[in-house]
C-alpha atoms as a PDB file:
ATOM      1  CA  MET A   1     -69.940  18.213 -40.910  1.00  0.00           C
ATOM      2  CA  PHE A   2     -67.403  20.118 -38.829  1.00  0.00           C
ATOM      3  CA  ALA A   3     -66.921  17.140 -36.494  1.00  0.00           C
ATOM      4  CA  SER A   4     -66.194  14.904 -39.487  1.00  0.00           C
ATOM      5  CA  LYS A   5     -63.617  17.446 -40.740  1.00  0.00           C
ATOM      6  CA  ARG A   6     -65.571  18.426 -43.844  1.00  0.00           C
ATOM      7  CA  TYR A   7     -64.726  22.046 -43.252  1.00  0.00           C
ATOM      8  CA  GLY A   8     -65.660  23.367 -46.701  1.00  0.00           C
ATOM      9  CA  GLN A   9     -69.151  21.918 -46.526  1.00  0.00           C
ATOM     10  CA  ALA A  10     -69.548  23.009 -42.914  1.00  0.00           C
ATOM     11  CA  SER A  11     -68.530  26.544 -43.842  1.00  0.00           C
ATOM     12  CA  VAL A  12     -71.177  26.729 -46.573  1.00  0.00           C
ATOM     13  CA  ALA A  13     -73.812  25.358 -44.199  1.00  0.00           C
ATOM     14  CA  PHE A  14     -72.880  27.844 -41.474  1.00  0.00           C
ATOM     15  CA  LEU A  15     -72.974  30.731 -43.936  1.00  0.00           C
ATOM     16  CA  SER A  16     -76.408  29.632 -45.114  1.00  0.00           C
ATOM     17  CA  ALA A  17     -77.575  29.599 -41.504  1.00  0.00           C
ATOM     18  CA  GLY A  18     -76.138  33.084 -40.934  1.00  0.00           C
ATOM     19  CA  TRP A  19     -73.437  31.869 -38.578  1.00  0.00           C
ATOM     20  CA  ASP A  20     -70.562  33.849 -40.048  1.00  0.00           C
ATOM     21  CA  ARG A  21     -68.183  33.293 -37.131  1.00  0.00           C
ATOM     22  CA  ALA A  22     -68.573  29.511 -37.319  1.00  0.00           C
ATOM     23  CA  ALA A  23     -67.947  29.678 -41.078  1.00  0.00           C
ATOM     24  CA  THR A  24     -64.777  31.694 -40.471  1.00  0.00           C
ATOM     25  CA  ILE A  25     -63.559  29.057 -38.026  1.00  0.00           C
ATOM     26  CA  CYS A  26     -64.240  26.327 -40.587  1.00  0.00           C
ATOM     27  CA  ASP A  27     -62.303  28.324 -43.166  1.00  0.00           C
ATOM     28  CA  ALA A  28     -59.261  28.502 -40.867  1.00  0.00           C
ATOM     29  CA  TYR A  29     -59.259  24.720 -40.429  1.00  0.00           C
ATOM     30  CA  LEU A  30     -59.727  24.267 -44.177  1.00  0.00           C
ATOM     31  CA  LEU A  31     -56.757  26.546 -44.889  1.00  0.00           C
ATOM     32  CA  ARG A  32     -54.614  24.515 -42.493  1.00  0.00           C
ATOM     33  CA  ASP A  33     -55.655  21.245 -44.162  1.00  0.00           C
ATOM     34  CA  LYS A  34     -54.797  22.684 -47.577  1.00  0.00           C
ATOM     35  CA  ALA A  35     -51.419  23.849 -46.298  1.00  0.00           C
ATOM     36  CA  ARG A  36     -50.668  20.388 -44.920  1.00  0.00           C
ATOM     37  CA  VAL A  37     -51.190  18.754 -48.306  1.00  0.00           C
ATOM     38  CA  THR A  38     -49.097  21.343 -50.153  1.00  0.00           C
ATOM     39  CA  SER A  39     -45.973  19.690 -51.477  1.00  0.00           C
ATOM     40  CA  THR A  40     -42.850  20.070 -49.397  1.00  0.00           C
ATOM     41  CA  ALA A  41     -40.960  20.494 -52.677  1.00  0.00           C
ATOM     42  CA  ALA A  42     -42.738  23.846 -53.105  1.00  0.00           C
ATOM     43  CA  SER A  43     -41.519  25.188 -49.779  1.00  0.00           C
ATOM     44  CA  ALA A  44     -42.283  28.861 -50.484  1.00  0.00           C
ATOM     45  CA  ALA A  45     -45.870  28.039 -51.440  1.00  0.00           C
ATOM     46  CA  ARG A  46     -46.217  25.734 -48.449  1.00  0.00           C
ATOM     47  CA  ASN A  47     -44.895  28.418 -46.091  1.00  0.00           C
ATOM     48  CA  ARG A  48     -47.301  31.001 -47.534  1.00  0.00           C
ATOM     49  CA  ALA A  49     -50.180  28.557 -47.129  1.00  0.00           C
ATOM     50  CA  PHE A  50     -49.311  27.953 -43.472  1.00  0.00           C
ATOM     51  CA  VAL A  51     -48.950  31.687 -42.792  1.00  0.00           C
ATOM     52  CA  THR A  52     -52.374  32.263 -44.351  1.00  0.00           C
ATOM     53  CA  ALA A  53     -53.854  29.550 -42.142  1.00  0.00           C
ATOM     54  CA  ALA A  54     -52.064  30.935 -39.087  1.00  0.00           C
ATOM     55  CA  ASN A  55     -53.411  34.411 -39.753  1.00  0.00           C
ATOM     56  CA  ALA A  56     -56.911  32.944 -40.041  1.00  0.00           C
ATOM     57  CA  PHE A  57     -56.535  31.245 -36.648  1.00  0.00           C
ATOM     58  CA  VAL A  58     -55.279  34.497 -35.098  1.00  0.00           C
ATOM     59  CA  ALA A  59     -58.372  36.234 -36.481  1.00  0.00           C
ATOM     60  CA  CYS A  60     -60.530  33.500 -34.927  1.00  0.00           C
ATOM     61  CA  ALA A  61     -58.773  33.958 -31.581  1.00  0.00           C
ATOM     62  CA  ARG A  62     -59.231  37.716 -31.667  1.00  0.00           C
ATOM     63  CA  GLY A  63     -62.872  37.262 -32.598  1.00  0.00           C
ATOM     64  CA  SER A  64     -63.590  34.864 -29.760  1.00  0.00           C
ATOM     65  CA  PRO A  65     -65.975  36.140 -27.114  1.00  0.00           C
ATOM     66  CA  SER A  66     -64.200  37.141 -23.916  1.00  0.00           C
ATOM     67  CA  LYS A  67     -65.936  34.299 -22.051  1.00  0.00           C
ATOM     68  CA  GLN A  68     -64.509  31.683 -24.436  1.00  0.00           C
ATOM     69  CA  VAL A  69     -60.991  31.623 -22.988  1.00  0.00           C
ATOM     70  CA  ASN A  70     -60.261  27.966 -23.858  1.00  0.00           C
ATOM     71  CA  GLU A  71     -61.437  28.491 -27.409  1.00  0.00           C
ATOM     72  CA  ARG A  72     -59.199  31.547 -27.835  1.00  0.00           C
ATOM     73  CA  LEU A  73     -56.213  29.665 -26.397  1.00  0.00           C
ATOM     74  CA  ALA A  74     -56.835  26.777 -28.805  1.00  0.00           C
ATOM     75  CA  TYR A  75     -56.856  29.118 -31.809  1.00  0.00           C
ATOM     76  CA  TYR A  76     -53.631  30.794 -30.718  1.00  0.00           C
ATOM     77  CA  GLY A  77     -52.087  27.327 -30.284  1.00  0.00           C
ATOM     78  CA  ALA A  78     -53.205  26.329 -33.787  1.00  0.00           C
ATOM     79  CA  ALA A  79     -51.746  29.575 -35.131  1.00  0.00           C
ATOM     80  CA  GLY A  80     -48.466  28.791 -33.372  1.00  0.00           C
ATOM     81  CA  GLU A  81     -48.344  25.358 -35.011  1.00  0.00           C
ATOM     82  CA  CYS A  82     -48.988  26.861 -38.436  1.00  0.00           C
ATOM     83  CA  TYR A  83     -46.327  29.558 -38.005  1.00  0.00           C
ATOM     84  CA  LEU A  84     -43.914  26.862 -36.840  1.00  0.00           C
ATOM     85  CA  GLU A  85     -44.610  24.864 -40.000  1.00  0.00           C
ATOM     86  CA  ALA A  86     -43.917  28.033 -42.002  1.00  0.00           C
ATOM     87  CA  ARG A  87     -40.626  28.408 -40.068  1.00  0.00           C
ATOM     88  CA  ASP A  88     -41.626  31.809 -38.690  1.00  0.00           C
ATOM     89  CA  LEU A  89     -40.215  30.886 -35.308  1.00  0.00           C
ATOM     90  CA  LYS A  90     -40.613  34.207 -33.511  1.00  0.00           C
ATOM     91  CA  THR A  91     -44.264  34.563 -34.457  1.00  0.00           C
ATOM     92  CA  ALA A  92     -44.895  30.890 -33.697  1.00  0.00           C
ATOM     93  CA  ALA A  93     -43.419  31.259 -30.223  1.00  0.00           C
ATOM     94  CA  ASP A  94     -45.335  34.491 -29.610  1.00  0.00           C
ATOM     95  CA  ASN A  95     -48.580  32.689 -30.452  1.00  0.00           C
ATOM     96  CA  TYR A  96     -47.668  29.751 -28.226  1.00  0.00           C
ATOM     97  CA  ARG A  97     -47.217  32.268 -25.419  1.00  0.00           C
ATOM     98  CA  MET A  98     -50.628  33.768 -26.114  1.00  0.00           C
ATOM     99  CA  ALA A  99     -51.996  30.210 -26.015  1.00  0.00           C
ATOM    100  CA  GLU A 100     -50.322  29.780 -22.624  1.00  0.00           C
ATOM    101  CA  GLN A 101     -48.270  26.897 -24.035  1.00  0.00           C
ATOM    102  CA  TYR A 102     -45.100  28.076 -22.363  1.00  0.00           C
ATOM    103  CA  ALA A 103     -42.967  24.996 -22.939  1.00  0.00           C
ATOM    104  CA  ALA A 104     -43.649  25.123 -26.696  1.00  0.00           C
ATOM    105  CA  ALA A 105     -42.997  28.869 -26.670  1.00  0.00           C
ATOM    106  CA  ALA A 106     -39.674  28.477 -24.884  1.00  0.00           C
ATOM    107  CA  ARG A 107     -38.528  25.627 -27.152  1.00  0.00           C
ATOM    108  CA  THR A 108     -39.461  27.616 -30.255  1.00  0.00           C
ATOM    109  CA  TYR A 109     -37.752  30.786 -29.027  1.00  0.00           C
ATOM    110  CA  ARG A 110     -34.689  28.661 -28.306  1.00  0.00           C
ATOM    111  CA  GLU A 111     -34.774  27.132 -31.791  1.00  0.00           C
ATOM    112  CA  GLY A 112     -34.912  30.620 -33.287  1.00  0.00           C
ATOM    113  CA  GLU A 113     -32.166  31.832 -30.933  1.00  0.00           C
ATOM    114  CA  TYR A 114     -34.375  34.489 -29.317  1.00  0.00           C
ATOM    115  CA  PHE A 115     -32.636  34.234 -25.978  1.00  0.00           C
ATOM    116  CA  ASP A 116     -34.147  37.356 -24.418  1.00  0.00           C
ATOM    117  CA  GLU A 117     -37.583  35.802 -24.923  1.00  0.00           C
ATOM    118  CA  VAL A 118     -36.378  32.432 -23.605  1.00  0.00           C
ATOM    119  CA  ALA A 119     -35.175  34.195 -20.467  1.00  0.00           C
ATOM    120  CA  GLU A 120     -38.552  35.962 -20.110  1.00  0.00           C
ATOM    121  CA  VAL A 121     -40.469  32.689 -20.343  1.00  0.00           C
ATOM    122  CA  ILE A 122     -38.129  31.027 -17.854  1.00  0.00           C
ATOM    123  CA  THR A 123     -38.491  33.945 -15.450  1.00  0.00           C
ATOM    124  CA  GLN A 124     -42.234  34.456 -15.767  1.00  0.00           C
ATOM    125  CA  HIS A 125     -43.450  30.872 -16.231  1.00  0.00           C
ATOM    126  CA  ARG A 126     -40.888  28.661 -14.516  1.00  0.00           C
ATOM    127  CA  ASN A 127     -43.612  26.482 -12.971  1.00  0.00           C
ATOM    128  CA  ALA A 128     -45.094  25.675 -16.406  1.00  0.00           C
ATOM    129  CA  LEU A 129     -41.835  24.061 -17.572  1.00  0.00           C
ATOM    130  CA  ASP A 130     -40.764  20.576 -16.597  1.00  0.00           C
ATOM    131  CA  ASP A 131     -37.465  20.305 -14.755  1.00  0.00           C
ATOM    132  CA  GLY A 132     -35.521  18.783 -17.657  1.00  0.00           C
ATOM    133  CA  LEU A 133     -36.613  21.417 -20.141  1.00  0.00           C
ATOM    134  CA  LEU A 134     -36.027  24.183 -17.613  1.00  0.00           C
ATOM    135  CA  GLU A 135     -32.504  22.952 -16.952  1.00  0.00           C
ATOM    136  CA  ARG A 136     -31.653  22.674 -20.671  1.00  0.00           C
ATOM    137  CA  LEU A 137     -33.070  26.084 -21.524  1.00  0.00           C
ATOM    138  CA  THR A 138     -31.390  27.749 -18.563  1.00  0.00           C
ATOM    139  CA  GLY A 139     -28.025  26.249 -19.486  1.00  0.00           C
ATOM    140  CA  VAL A 140     -28.236  27.213 -23.148  1.00  0.00           C
ATOM    141  CA  THR A 141     -29.425  30.720 -22.319  1.00  0.00           C
ATOM    142  CA  GLN A 142     -26.686  31.247 -19.737  1.00  0.00           C
ATOM    143  CA  MET A 143     -24.104  30.046 -22.254  1.00  0.00           C
ATOM    144  CA  HIS A 144     -25.432  32.470 -24.848  1.00  0.00           C
ATOM    145  CA  TYR A 145     -25.185  35.426 -22.480  1.00  0.00           C
ATOM    146  CA  PHE A 146     -21.735  34.331 -21.333  1.00  0.00           C
ATOM    147  CA  LYS A 147     -20.548  34.324 -24.962  1.00  0.00           C
ATOM    148  CA  VAL A 148     -22.060  37.752 -25.581  1.00  0.00           C
ATOM    149  CA  TYR A 149     -20.480  39.159 -22.417  1.00  0.00           C
ATOM    150  CA  PHE A 150     -17.121  37.519 -23.094  1.00  0.00           C
ATOM    151  CA  ASN A 151     -17.007  38.672 -26.723  1.00  0.00           C
ATOM    152  CA  CYS A 152     -17.944  42.246 -25.801  1.00  0.00           C
ATOM    153  CA  HIS A 153     -15.233  42.458 -23.193  1.00  0.00           C
ATOM    154  CA  LEU A 154     -12.652  40.756 -25.383  1.00  0.00           C
ATOM    155  CA  VAL A 155     -13.314  43.147 -28.270  1.00  0.00           C
ATOM    156  CA  SER A 156     -13.326  46.252 -26.054  1.00  0.00           C
ATOM    157  CA  LYS A 157      -9.998  45.214 -24.543  1.00  0.00           C
ATOM    158  CA  TYR A 158      -8.280  45.562 -27.934  1.00  0.00           C
ATOM    159  CA  LEU A 159      -9.932  48.809 -29.056  1.00  0.00           C
END
């Protein structure tokens, strides 16, 4: 049932079998599906639904056995997508980083104007970024810091 995306039924079946963790995973996917069909006209409700789904995926990631690295990374990536849908850009990017999806993390930090974090990703994970993205992010981040530096010195000059 899980493979055919009937998450509600799969969750009930897993609970009946005593597989609580598998049921929890099904519930996270079900929450995401429900959030996706929530009307975009009800943006606050849609955002809450995606945050709820994201939190469920984070719980799945934290509950993953230490040997299941790929599984944990996938849940953090799913959480990042849900937070992005909810427009919680900082948390989305943080989850992308935990999922080792550094390009998505850097783009999302950039979108949210978290330039310190963009600089960290560029510095720590340069090899995970393609050349075009790296060049764009570096340029935008340098421009941001130039503006901050310039404005600080311009203001202090007249004080």
